[in-house]
Protein backbone atom coordinates (compact mmCIF):
# COMPACT_ATOMS: atom_id res chain seq x y z
CA MET A 1 -6.04 -4.43 67.17
CA LYS A 2 -2.36 -3.72 67.65
CA ASP A 3 -1.53 -6.79 65.56
CA ILE A 4 -3.63 -5.43 62.66
CA LEU A 5 -1.84 -2.08 62.81
CA VAL A 6 1.58 -3.73 62.81
CA HIS A 7 0.46 -6.07 60.06
CA SER A 8 -0.81 -3.19 57.87
CA LYS A 9 2.41 -1.21 58.47
CA LEU A 10 4.39 -4.20 57.25
CA LEU A 11 2.18 -4.65 54.20
CA TYR A 12 2.31 -0.99 53.16
CA PRO A 13 5.85 -1.20 51.63
CA ILE A 14 4.94 -4.44 49.86
CA LYS A 15 1.76 -2.89 48.43
CA LEU A 16 3.73 0.20 47.43
CA LEU A 17 6.32 -1.98 45.70
CA TYR A 18 3.55 -4.00 44.00
CA TYR A 19 1.81 -0.90 42.60
CA SER A 20 5.13 0.65 41.60
CA LEU A 21 6.04 -2.50 39.66
CA ARG A 22 2.63 -2.56 37.97
CA ARG A 23 3.10 1.08 36.93
CA LEU A 24 6.62 0.31 35.70
CA GLU A 25 5.23 -2.66 33.75
CA LYS A 26 2.72 -0.37 32.02
CA ILE A 27 5.42 2.18 31.22
CA ILE A 28 7.67 -0.53 29.75
CA TYR A 29 4.76 -1.99 27.77
CA TYR A 30 3.85 1.40 26.25
CA PHE A 31 7.51 2.14 25.55
CA PHE A 32 7.89 -1.06 23.53
CA PHE A 33 4.48 -0.52 21.90
CA LYS A 34 5.53 2.96 20.75
CA LEU A 35 8.93 1.64 19.70
CA GLY A 36 7.19 -1.04 17.62
CA LEU A 37 5.01 1.59 15.94
CA ALA A 38 8.06 3.73 15.24
CA ILE A 39 9.82 0.79 13.60
CA LEU A 40 6.69 -0.05 11.60
CA PHE A 41 6.31 3.50 10.31
CA ARG A 42 10.02 3.69 9.56
CA ASN A 43 9.58 0.59 7.39
CA ILE A 44 6.55 2.16 5.71
CA SER A 45 8.53 5.30 4.92
CA ILE A 46 11.30 3.12 3.46
CA PHE A 47 8.63 1.23 1.55
CA PHE A 48 7.44 4.43 -0.15
CA LYS A 49 10.86 5.96 -0.65
CA LYS A 50 12.69 7.38 -3.64
CA ASN A 51 10.52 7.31 -6.78
CA PHE A 52 7.10 7.57 -5.20
CA GLU A 53 6.84 11.38 -5.07
CA LEU A 54 8.21 11.65 -8.60
CA PHE A 55 5.46 9.35 -9.84
CA ARG A 56 2.82 11.49 -8.11
CA LEU A 57 4.33 14.53 -9.80
CA PHE A 58 4.05 12.79 -13.20
CA LEU A 59 0.35 12.16 -12.56
CA ASP A 60 -0.33 15.67 -11.27
CA LYS A 61 1.31 17.27 -14.31
CA ASP A 62 -0.16 14.71 -16.74
CA TYR A 63 3.38 13.95 -17.91
CA PHE A 64 3.96 11.13 -20.39
CA ASP A 65 7.33 10.75 -22.07
CA LYS A 66 7.81 9.52 -25.66
CA PHE A 67 8.77 6.01 -24.52
CA SER A 68 5.57 5.62 -22.44
CA ASN A 69 3.42 7.05 -25.24
CA TYR A 70 4.99 4.62 -27.71
CA GLN A 71 4.55 1.61 -25.41
CA PHE A 72 0.96 2.45 -24.47
CA THR A 73 -0.04 3.14 -28.08
CA ALA A 74 1.46 -0.22 -29.15
CA ILE A 75 -0.36 -2.09 -26.36
CA LEU A 76 -3.69 -0.47 -27.22
CA ASN A 77 -3.23 -1.09 -30.98
CA ASN A 78 -2.19 -4.73 -30.44
CA ASN A 79 -5.45 -5.31 -28.57
CA SER A 80 -7.66 -3.71 -31.24
CA GLY A 81 -8.46 -0.77 -28.98
CA ASP A 82 -10.11 -2.94 -26.31
CA ILE A 83 -9.11 -1.22 -23.07
CA LEU A 84 -9.80 -4.08 -20.63
CA THR A 85 -7.90 -6.56 -22.79
CA SER A 86 -5.01 -4.13 -23.14
CA ILE A 87 -4.85 -3.74 -19.34
CA GLU A 88 -4.78 -7.51 -18.92
CA THR A 89 -2.05 -7.79 -21.58
CA LEU A 90 0.01 -5.12 -19.85
CA LYS A 91 -0.36 -6.94 -16.52
CA GLN A 92 0.63 -10.30 -18.03
CA ASN A 93 3.73 -8.79 -19.64
CA ILE A 94 5.17 -7.82 -16.25
CA HIS A 95 7.13 -10.78 -14.89
CA PHE A 96 7.32 -11.16 -11.13
CA LYS A 97 10.51 -10.05 -9.42
CA LYS A 98 10.47 -9.00 -5.75
CA GLN A 99 11.34 -5.35 -5.17
CA ASN A 100 11.75 -3.33 -2.00
CA GLU A 101 10.65 0.04 -3.34
CA TRP A 102 8.19 1.70 -5.66
CA THR A 103 9.64 2.08 -9.15
CA LEU A 104 8.91 4.60 -11.84
CA PRO A 105 6.45 3.40 -14.48
CA GLN A 106 9.07 3.92 -17.21
CA GLU A 107 11.35 1.46 -15.43
CA GLY A 108 8.53 -1.09 -15.24
CA LEU A 109 7.75 -0.57 -18.94
CA LYS A 110 11.40 -0.85 -19.93
CA TYR A 111 12.23 -4.08 -18.08
CA TYR A 112 8.72 -5.58 -17.65
CA THR A 113 9.75 -7.02 -14.28
CA GLY A 114 8.52 -6.19 -10.80
CA ASP A 115 6.12 -7.15 -8.06
CA CYS A 116 2.64 -5.93 -7.16
CA LYS A 117 3.88 -2.36 -6.66
CA THR A 118 5.43 -2.19 -10.12
CA THR A 119 2.36 -3.78 -11.71
CA VAL A 120 -0.11 -1.30 -10.22
CA ILE A 121 2.17 1.68 -10.87
CA VAL A 122 2.52 0.76 -14.57
CA ILE A 123 -1.20 0.02 -14.92
CA GLY A 124 -2.06 3.21 -13.04
CA TYR A 125 0.16 5.19 -15.39
CA TYR A 126 -1.55 3.52 -18.35
CA LEU A 127 -4.98 4.36 -16.90
CA ALA A 128 -3.90 7.97 -16.38
CA TRP A 129 -2.78 8.01 -20.03
CA LEU A 130 -6.27 6.77 -20.98
CA LYS A 131 -7.88 9.35 -18.64
CA ILE A 132 -9.51 6.63 -16.51
CA PRO A 133 -9.85 7.35 -12.77
CA PHE A 134 -8.18 4.94 -10.34
CA ASP A 135 -6.99 4.47 -6.77
CA ILE A 136 -3.92 2.53 -5.68
CA TYR A 137 -4.20 0.87 -2.27
CA THR A 138 -1.86 -1.15 -0.15
CA GLU A 139 -2.73 -3.51 2.64
CA PHE A 140 -0.43 -4.49 5.44
CA PHE A 141 -0.40 -7.99 6.89
CA LEU A 142 1.77 -7.10 9.83
CA LYS A 143 2.19 -10.67 11.08
CA GLN A 144 2.75 -12.41 7.76
CA ASN A 145 4.34 -9.73 5.58
CA PRO A 146 5.21 -6.23 6.79
CA ALA A 147 5.72 -5.05 3.21
CA GLY A 148 2.03 -5.55 2.39
CA HIS A 149 0.40 -5.93 -1.00
CA ALA A 150 -0.54 -3.25 -3.52
CA PHE A 151 -3.61 -3.32 -5.75
CA LEU A 152 -5.54 -0.94 -7.95
CA ILE A 153 -9.24 -0.13 -8.30
CA PHE A 154 -10.43 1.74 -11.37
CA TYR A 155 -13.75 2.92 -12.76
CA PHE A 156 -14.55 2.17 -16.38
CA GLY A 157 -17.80 1.64 -18.30
CA ASN A 158 -20.01 2.23 -15.22
CA GLU A 159 -18.22 -0.57 -13.33
CA PHE A 160 -15.49 -0.74 -10.69
CA TYR A 161 -12.60 -3.09 -11.42
CA PHE A 162 -9.95 -4.65 -9.19
CA ILE A 163 -6.49 -5.53 -10.47
CA ASP A 164 -3.18 -6.61 -8.97
CA ASN A 165 -0.28 -8.73 -10.18
CA ASN A 166 -2.21 -11.99 -9.58
CA ARG A 167 -5.68 -11.35 -10.90
CA GLY A 168 -7.91 -8.91 -12.68
CA PRO A 169 -9.28 -6.85 -14.09
CA ASP A 170 -12.28 -8.20 -12.19
CA ILE A 171 -15.56 -6.37 -11.61
CA ILE A 172 -16.12 -5.66 -7.92
CA LYS A 173 -19.09 -4.37 -5.97
CA MET A 174 -18.04 -1.28 -4.03
CA GLN A 175 -20.41 -2.11 -1.17
CA ASP A 176 -18.25 -5.22 -0.55
CA PHE A 177 -15.04 -3.18 -0.51
CA ASN A 178 -14.08 -1.50 2.77
CA PRO A 179 -11.42 1.16 2.07
CA SER A 180 -10.81 1.74 5.78
CA GLU A 181 -8.97 -1.61 5.89
CA TYR A 182 -6.35 -0.35 3.45
CA ILE A 183 -4.05 2.59 2.92
CA ARG A 184 -4.84 4.66 -0.16
CA VAL A 185 -1.49 5.44 -1.74
CA ILE A 186 -2.61 7.36 -4.81
CA SER A 187 -5.96 8.66 -5.91
CA HIS A 188 -6.09 9.86 -9.51
CA VAL A 189 -9.42 11.39 -10.43
CA VAL A 190 -9.80 12.60 -13.99
CA SER A 191 -11.65 15.87 -14.47
């Protein structure tokens, strides 16, 4: 019996050290987990920096400058007034060039270069000009590409359409689309 008491007294500091190290391990794990989230959200805030709020202001105030009006009128006229064809033409005119930030639609219209963000911003601006409701989403593939991918969904002619810089406009079934997997960047509903 005495041996068990001595044995347990010797094990108590070891058990205490073991549980203290496990607690320290959890604290370190959560520290790095929170640090990783902070870095991720810092990158997201950089991702949406500069021109993004200005673009939202343009949409809220229904602002279209002369240059945009001229470009959009020319695109629509060149496609005989067919809206879906004009959207596809606008998308095809934008040549891919990687960018780290959201650009203004006027910049995308002027240079016709950009990535998925520029493409959906310009097309979204065009849809707002046409008074067609749309949502811009972004998805984040944290392991493959922390910058994510932007795409646009719009409603026209009793159908929902998907478009990004690679494909579209394609008809989609909304029951197959799960918006909780994406981040809605802009929602522009026409009244």
